[in-house]
Amino acid sequence: AVVSTQSTGAILKAHIGTGCDYLSKVGTKKAALIAKPESNLASFGESAVLDEHQINQAEYYLVRVFKSRHNIADDDEDFDKLRVNSWKTNNSVVHLPPTSYSIREGHIRRWWYLYKLLSNLLSPGEYAFLDPEEFGWERIDQDLVPRKCLNIIPDRFVTTCSCNKAAKKTVACTTKRCKCKKEGGLCTDYCNCTECQNRRM
């Protein structure tokens, strides 16, 4: 069977982006193909500069891969929304997906860099000008290692509440009994409060 150039590029993009020798695993290779890399990664890695459109396209694709791997049906478009919905479902950090920040600033930048190098192996000097330290890597003792972009829950979401879960109260999150109100902040998507009166309108 003859495979088109577009298909081989999409397969290479999917392979690198979902986990390879250089990148963390985001999903299985089966999930990578189900997420339609030909259409969802059409422009990723096809220009000489990584831009916002390519980063958005790559995150959208990886969300689909991650959801397929974990059998999640929500219609989330980025990892932050997926993370909030996962938190609300499980109320645990154990199986939370990565944040959009860590995917966009680390994984996707490294992925783009690797794709440019690996897809141009027959023209080895073409992308030699790319500096890996601008694409999610850092040098430690002469070794090139992935730069960590970790933040389990963004600082502004560390305090969460679950007011009105157990008791039937008329107004939620209006007194100092609410952890968020007590800390002087607003409730967030990570909270499990019901009928909340402490959110930005």
C-alpha atoms as a PDB file:
ATOM      1  CA  ALA A   1       0.000   0.000   0.000  1.00  0.00           C
ATOM      2  CA  VAL A   2       1.156   3.506  -0.807  1.00  0.00           C
ATOM      3  CA  VAL A   3       0.957   6.036   2.021  1.00  0.00           C
ATOM      4  CA  SER A   4       0.668   9.717   1.142  1.00  0.00           C
ATOM      5  CA  THR A   5       3.180  12.297   2.357  1.00  0.00           C
ATOM      6  CA  GLN A   6       0.402  13.970   4.352  1.00  0.00           C
ATOM      7  CA  SER A   7      -0.414  10.681   6.113  1.00  0.00           C
ATOM      8  CA  THR A   8       3.214   9.913   6.948  1.00  0.00           C
ATOM      9  CA  GLY A   9       3.631  13.428   8.394  1.00  0.00           C
ATOM     10  CA  ALA A  10       0.444  13.018  10.452  1.00  0.00           C
ATOM     11  CA  ILE A  11       1.581   9.633  11.750  1.00  0.00           C
ATOM     12  CA  LEU A  12       4.969  11.049  12.766  1.00  0.00           C
ATOM     13  CA  LYS A  13       3.291  14.028  14.489  1.00  0.00           C
ATOM     14  CA  ALA A  14       0.888  11.701  16.329  1.00  0.00           C
ATOM     15  CA  HIS A  15       3.680   9.353  17.380  1.00  0.00           C
ATOM     16  CA  ILE A  16       5.928  12.082  18.788  1.00  0.00           C
ATOM     17  CA  GLY A  17       3.119  14.094  20.429  1.00  0.00           C
ATOM     18  CA  THR A  18       1.459  11.221  22.263  1.00  0.00           C
ATOM     19  CA  GLY A  19       4.686   9.907  23.741  1.00  0.00           C
ATOM     20  CA  CYS A  20       8.013   8.750  22.382  1.00  0.00           C
ATOM     21  CA  ASP A  21      11.584   8.338  23.613  1.00  0.00           C
ATOM     22  CA  TYR A  22      11.778  12.095  24.249  1.00  0.00           C
ATOM     23  CA  LEU A  23       8.258  13.045  25.416  1.00  0.00           C
ATOM     24  CA  SER A  24       5.863  11.882  28.130  1.00  0.00           C
ATOM     25  CA  LYS A  25       2.946   9.650  27.244  1.00  0.00           C
ATOM     26  CA  VAL A  26      -0.341  11.471  26.741  1.00  0.00           C
ATOM     27  CA  GLY A  27      -2.234   8.580  25.200  1.00  0.00           C
ATOM     28  CA  THR A  28      -2.004   5.315  23.337  1.00  0.00           C
ATOM     29  CA  LYS A  29      -1.058   5.106  19.675  1.00  0.00           C
ATOM     30  CA  LYS A  30      -4.574   3.789  18.963  1.00  0.00           C
ATOM     31  CA  ALA A  31      -6.080   6.877  20.657  1.00  0.00           C
ATOM     32  CA  ALA A  32      -3.639   9.026  18.665  1.00  0.00           C
ATOM     33  CA  LEU A  33      -5.029   7.691  15.378  1.00  0.00           C
ATOM     34  CA  ILE A  34      -8.675   7.848  16.513  1.00  0.00           C
ATOM     35  CA  ALA A  35      -8.163  11.582  17.274  1.00  0.00           C
ATOM     36  CA  LYS A  36      -7.680  12.215  13.512  1.00  0.00           C
ATOM     37  CA  PRO A  37      -4.154  13.636  13.278  1.00  0.00           C
ATOM     38  CA  GLU A  38      -4.514  14.285   9.510  1.00  0.00           C
ATOM     39  CA  SER A  39      -7.143  16.963  10.110  1.00  0.00           C
ATOM     40  CA  ASN A  40      -6.504  18.009  13.731  1.00  0.00           C
ATOM     41  CA  LEU A  41      -2.764  18.508  13.189  1.00  0.00           C
ATOM     42  CA  ALA A  42      -2.893  19.744   9.593  1.00  0.00           C
ATOM     43  CA  SER A  43      -0.811  22.890  10.142  1.00  0.00           C
ATOM     44  CA  PHE A  44       1.181  21.795  13.214  1.00  0.00           C
ATOM     45  CA  GLY A  45       4.888  21.839  12.409  1.00  0.00           C
ATOM     46  CA  GLU A  46       4.347  22.938   8.821  1.00  0.00           C
ATOM     47  CA  SER A  47       5.825  26.429   9.147  1.00  0.00           C
ATOM     48  CA  ALA A  48       9.266  27.606  10.231  1.00  0.00           C
ATOM     49  CA  VAL A  49       7.878  29.315  13.358  1.00  0.00           C
ATOM     50  CA  LEU A  50       5.712  27.901  16.150  1.00  0.00           C
ATOM     51  CA  ASP A  51       2.666  30.168  16.506  1.00  0.00           C
ATOM     52  CA  GLU A  52      -0.441  30.333  18.697  1.00  0.00           C
ATOM     53  CA  HIS A  53      -2.624  28.643  16.073  1.00  0.00           C
ATOM     54  CA  GLN A  54      -0.368  25.570  16.016  1.00  0.00           C
ATOM     55  CA  ILE A  55      -0.250  25.431  19.830  1.00  0.00           C
ATOM     56  CA  ASN A  56      -4.076  25.626  20.007  1.00  0.00           C
ATOM     57  CA  GLN A  57      -4.399  22.940  17.345  1.00  0.00           C
ATOM     58  CA  ALA A  58      -1.980  20.646  19.184  1.00  0.00           C
ATOM     59  CA  GLU A  59      -3.718  21.116  22.554  1.00  0.00           C
ATOM     60  CA  TYR A  60      -7.129  20.432  20.985  1.00  0.00           C
ATOM     61  CA  TYR A  61      -5.737  17.228  19.457  1.00  0.00           C
ATOM     62  CA  LEU A  62      -4.083  16.076  22.707  1.00  0.00           C
ATOM     63  CA  VAL A  63      -7.311  16.660  24.671  1.00  0.00           C
ATOM     64  CA  ARG A  64      -9.045  14.278  22.246  1.00  0.00           C
ATOM     65  CA  VAL A  65      -6.275  11.713  22.674  1.00  0.00           C
ATOM     66  CA  PHE A  66      -6.383  11.995  26.478  1.00  0.00           C
ATOM     67  CA  LYS A  67     -10.189  11.728  26.598  1.00  0.00           C
ATOM     68  CA  SER A  68     -10.154   8.656  24.361  1.00  0.00           C
ATOM     69  CA  ARG A  69      -7.571   7.003  26.618  1.00  0.00           C
ATOM     70  CA  HIS A  70      -9.611   7.696  29.773  1.00  0.00           C
ATOM     71  CA  ASN A  71     -13.110   7.235  28.296  1.00  0.00           C
ATOM     72  CA  ILE A  72     -14.166  10.823  29.083  1.00  0.00           C
ATOM     73  CA  ALA A  73     -17.198  12.096  27.173  1.00  0.00           C
ATOM     74  CA  ASP A  74     -17.119  15.811  28.084  1.00  0.00           C
ATOM     75  CA  ASP A  75     -16.733  18.272  25.204  1.00  0.00           C
ATOM     76  CA  ASP A  76     -13.666  20.052  26.601  1.00  0.00           C
ATOM     77  CA  GLU A  77     -11.386  21.972  24.255  1.00  0.00           C
ATOM     78  CA  ASP A  78      -8.370  22.532  26.512  1.00  0.00           C
ATOM     79  CA  PHE A  79      -6.654  20.785  29.412  1.00  0.00           C
ATOM     80  CA  ASP A  80      -7.735  23.338  32.032  1.00  0.00           C
ATOM     81  CA  LYS A  81     -11.436  22.666  31.327  1.00  0.00           C
ATOM     82  CA  LEU A  82     -10.769  18.929  31.210  1.00  0.00           C
ATOM     83  CA  ARG A  83      -8.935  19.236  34.542  1.00  0.00           C
ATOM     84  CA  VAL A  84     -11.809  21.092  36.227  1.00  0.00           C
ATOM     85  CA  ASN A  85     -14.343  18.498  35.050  1.00  0.00           C
ATOM     86  CA  SER A  86     -12.063  15.665  36.169  1.00  0.00           C
ATOM     87  CA  TRP A  87     -11.653  17.339  39.581  1.00  0.00           C
ATOM     88  CA  LYS A  88     -15.422  17.740  39.975  1.00  0.00           C
ATOM     89  CA  THR A  89     -15.967  14.098  39.031  1.00  0.00           C
ATOM     90  CA  ASN A  90     -13.238  12.512  41.182  1.00  0.00           C
ATOM     91  CA  ASN A  91     -12.374  15.248  43.732  1.00  0.00           C
ATOM     92  CA  SER A  92      -8.827  13.876  43.641  1.00  0.00           C
ATOM     93  CA  VAL A  93      -5.517  15.046  42.168  1.00  0.00           C
ATOM     94  CA  VAL A  94      -4.396  11.465  41.478  1.00  0.00           C
ATOM     95  CA  HIS A  95      -5.807  11.159  37.938  1.00  0.00           C
ATOM     96  CA  LEU A  96      -5.952  14.813  36.948  1.00  0.00           C
ATOM     97  CA  PRO A  97      -4.802  15.604  33.419  1.00  0.00           C
ATOM     98  CA  PRO A  98      -1.955  18.107  33.061  1.00  0.00           C
ATOM     99  CA  THR A  99      -2.692  21.828  33.050  1.00  0.00           C
ATOM    100  CA  SER A 100      -2.919  23.764  29.788  1.00  0.00           C
ATOM    101  CA  TYR A 101       0.162  25.676  30.907  1.00  0.00           C
ATOM    102  CA  SER A 102       2.313  22.559  31.276  1.00  0.00           C
ATOM    103  CA  ILE A 103       1.067  21.099  27.981  1.00  0.00           C
ATOM    104  CA  ARG A 104       1.452  24.342  26.021  1.00  0.00           C
ATOM    105  CA  GLU A 105       4.728  25.637  27.508  1.00  0.00           C
ATOM    106  CA  GLY A 106       6.433  22.273  27.864  1.00  0.00           C
ATOM    107  CA  HIS A 107       5.063  19.303  25.979  1.00  0.00           C
ATOM    108  CA  ILE A 108       3.809  21.013  22.805  1.00  0.00           C
ATOM    109  CA  ARG A 109       6.916  23.189  22.418  1.00  0.00           C
ATOM    110  CA  ARG A 110       9.193  20.142  22.785  1.00  0.00           C
ATOM    111  CA  TRP A 111       6.944  18.205  20.409  1.00  0.00           C
ATOM    112  CA  TRP A 112       7.158  20.908  17.714  1.00  0.00           C
ATOM    113  CA  TYR A 113      10.939  21.103  18.075  1.00  0.00           C
ATOM    114  CA  LEU A 114      11.348  17.306  17.791  1.00  0.00           C
ATOM    115  CA  TYR A 115       9.004  17.118  14.819  1.00  0.00           C
ATOM    116  CA  LYS A 116      11.006  19.763  12.962  1.00  0.00           C
ATOM    117  CA  LEU A 117      14.249  17.848  13.577  1.00  0.00           C
ATOM    118  CA  LEU A 118      12.914  14.343  12.893  1.00  0.00           C
ATOM    119  CA  SER A 119      10.904  15.258   9.801  1.00  0.00           C
ATOM    120  CA  ASN A 120      13.991  16.852   8.256  1.00  0.00           C
ATOM    121  CA  LEU A 121      16.569  14.135   8.895  1.00  0.00           C
ATOM    122  CA  LEU A 122      17.515  14.137   5.209  1.00  0.00           C
ATOM    123  CA  SER A 123      18.324  17.859   5.446  1.00  0.00           C
ATOM    124  CA  PRO A 124      20.233  17.847   8.745  1.00  0.00           C
ATOM    125  CA  GLY A 125      21.316  21.485   8.797  1.00  0.00           C
ATOM    126  CA  GLU A 126      17.968  23.011   7.870  1.00  0.00           C
ATOM    127  CA  TYR A 127      16.730  23.514  11.443  1.00  0.00           C
ATOM    128  CA  ALA A 128      20.072  23.519  13.261  1.00  0.00           C
ATOM    129  CA  PHE A 129      19.451  27.169  14.189  1.00  0.00           C
ATOM    130  CA  LEU A 130      16.608  26.182  16.551  1.00  0.00           C
ATOM    131  CA  ASP A 131      17.640  26.497  20.193  1.00  0.00           C
ATOM    132  CA  PRO A 132      16.155  23.657  22.278  1.00  0.00           C
ATOM    133  CA  GLU A 133      16.126  25.920  25.331  1.00  0.00           C
ATOM    134  CA  GLU A 134      13.461  28.016  23.594  1.00  0.00           C
ATOM    135  CA  PHE A 135      11.312  24.921  23.149  1.00  0.00           C
ATOM    136  CA  GLY A 136      10.801  23.496  26.631  1.00  0.00           C
ATOM    137  CA  TRP A 137      14.278  22.112  27.348  1.00  0.00           C
ATOM    138  CA  GLU A 138      16.974  23.252  29.781  1.00  0.00           C
ATOM    139  CA  ARG A 139      20.636  22.409  30.230  1.00  0.00           C
ATOM    140  CA  ILE A 140      21.688  20.838  33.516  1.00  0.00           C
ATOM    141  CA  ASP A 141      25.343  19.795  33.781  1.00  0.00           C
ATOM    142  CA  GLN A 142      25.711  19.735  29.968  1.00  0.00           C
ATOM    143  CA  ASP A 143      22.620  17.485  29.632  1.00  0.00           C
ATOM    144  CA  LEU A 144      19.486  18.597  27.862  1.00  0.00           C
ATOM    145  CA  VAL A 145      16.440  17.785  30.024  1.00  0.00           C
ATOM    146  CA  PRO A 146      12.750  18.740  29.818  1.00  0.00           C
ATOM    147  CA  ARG A 147      11.947  21.940  31.702  1.00  0.00           C
ATOM    148  CA  LYS A 148       9.345  21.221  34.372  1.00  0.00           C
ATOM    149  CA  CYS A 149       6.104  23.155  34.102  1.00  0.00           C
ATOM    150  CA  LEU A 150       4.330  21.747  37.157  1.00  0.00           C
ATOM    151  CA  ASN A 151       1.491  23.332  39.040  1.00  0.00           C
ATOM    152  CA  ILE A 152      -1.043  20.757  40.274  1.00  0.00           C
ATOM    153  CA  ILE A 153      -3.695  23.354  41.031  1.00  0.00           C
ATOM    154  CA  PRO A 154      -3.058  26.976  40.070  1.00  0.00           C
ATOM    155  CA  ASP A 155      -2.310  29.115  43.153  1.00  0.00           C
ATOM    156  CA  ARG A 156      -5.558  31.019  42.850  1.00  0.00           C
ATOM    157  CA  PHE A 157      -7.490  27.709  43.143  1.00  0.00           C
ATOM    158  CA  VAL A 158      -5.691  26.174  46.140  1.00  0.00           C
ATOM    159  CA  THR A 159      -8.532  26.928  48.586  1.00  0.00           C
ATOM    160  CA  THR A 160     -11.761  25.151  47.653  1.00  0.00           C
ATOM    161  CA  CYS A 161     -15.079  24.667  49.410  1.00  0.00           C
ATOM    162  CA  SER A 162     -18.093  22.399  49.217  1.00  0.00           C
ATOM    163  CA  CYS A 163     -20.748  24.518  50.922  1.00  0.00           C
ATOM    164  CA  ASN A 164     -24.357  23.276  50.854  1.00  0.00           C
ATOM    165  CA  LYS A 165     -23.307  19.732  50.006  1.00  0.00           C
ATOM    166  CA  ALA A 166     -24.538  18.156  53.223  1.00  0.00           C
ATOM    167  CA  ALA A 167     -26.986  20.661  54.665  1.00  0.00           C
ATOM    168  CA  LYS A 168     -29.912  22.397  53.011  1.00  0.00           C
ATOM    169  CA  LYS A 169     -29.054  26.041  53.573  1.00  0.00           C
ATOM    170  CA  THR A 170     -30.692  28.922  51.814  1.00  0.00           C
ATOM    171  CA  VAL A 171     -27.578  30.803  50.690  1.00  0.00           C
ATOM    172  CA  ALA A 172     -24.183  29.240  50.027  1.00  0.00           C
ATOM    173  CA  CYS A 173     -20.755  30.791  50.510  1.00  0.00           C
ATOM    174  CA  THR A 174     -21.856  34.091  52.077  1.00  0.00           C
ATOM    175  CA  THR A 175     -20.395  33.604  55.572  1.00  0.00           C
ATOM    176  CA  LYS A 176     -16.925  32.919  56.974  1.00  0.00           C
ATOM    177  CA  ARG A 177     -17.889  29.237  57.207  1.00  0.00           C
ATOM    178  CA  CYS A 178     -17.041  29.091  53.508  1.00  0.00           C
ATOM    179  CA  LYS A 179     -13.271  28.433  53.150  1.00  0.00           C
ATOM    180  CA  CYS A 180     -13.016  30.694  50.104  1.00  0.00           C
ATOM    181  CA  LYS A 181     -14.895  33.563  51.763  1.00  0.00           C
ATOM    182  CA  LYS A 182     -12.784  33.124  54.916  1.00  0.00           C
ATOM    183  CA  GLU A 183      -9.591  33.443  52.823  1.00  0.00           C
ATOM    184  CA  GLY A 184     -11.021  36.590  51.212  1.00  0.00           C
ATOM    185  CA  GLY A 185     -11.385  35.043  47.768  1.00  0.00           C
ATOM    186  CA  LEU A 186     -14.094  33.984  45.363  1.00  0.00           C
ATOM    187  CA  CYS A 187     -15.230  30.425  44.774  1.00  0.00           C
ATOM    188  CA  THR A 188     -13.861  28.814  41.599  1.00  0.00           C
ATOM    189  CA  ASP A 189     -14.636  25.977  39.222  1.00  0.00           C
ATOM    190  CA  TYR A 190     -12.637  23.681  41.519  1.00  0.00           C
ATOM    191  CA  CYS A 191     -15.158  24.207  44.339  1.00  0.00           C
ATOM    192  CA  ASN A 192     -18.036  21.802  44.855  1.00  0.00           C
ATOM    193  CA  CYS A 193     -20.469  24.321  46.317  1.00  0.00           C
ATOM    194  CA  THR A 194     -24.090  24.464  45.198  1.00  0.00           C
ATOM    195  CA  GLU A 195     -26.181  27.600  44.695  1.00  0.00           C
ATOM    196  CA  CYS A 196     -23.017  29.634  45.310  1.00  0.00           C
ATOM    197  CA  GLN A 197     -23.294  33.356  46.013  1.00  0.00           C
ATOM    198  CA  ASN A 198     -19.519  33.948  46.073  1.00  0.00           C
ATOM    199  CA  ARG A 199     -18.619  33.878  42.370  1.00  0.00           C
ATOM    200  CA  ARG A 200     -17.786  36.613  39.933  1.00  0.00           C
ATOM    201  CA  MET A 201     -20.883  37.504  37.923  1.00  0.00           C
END
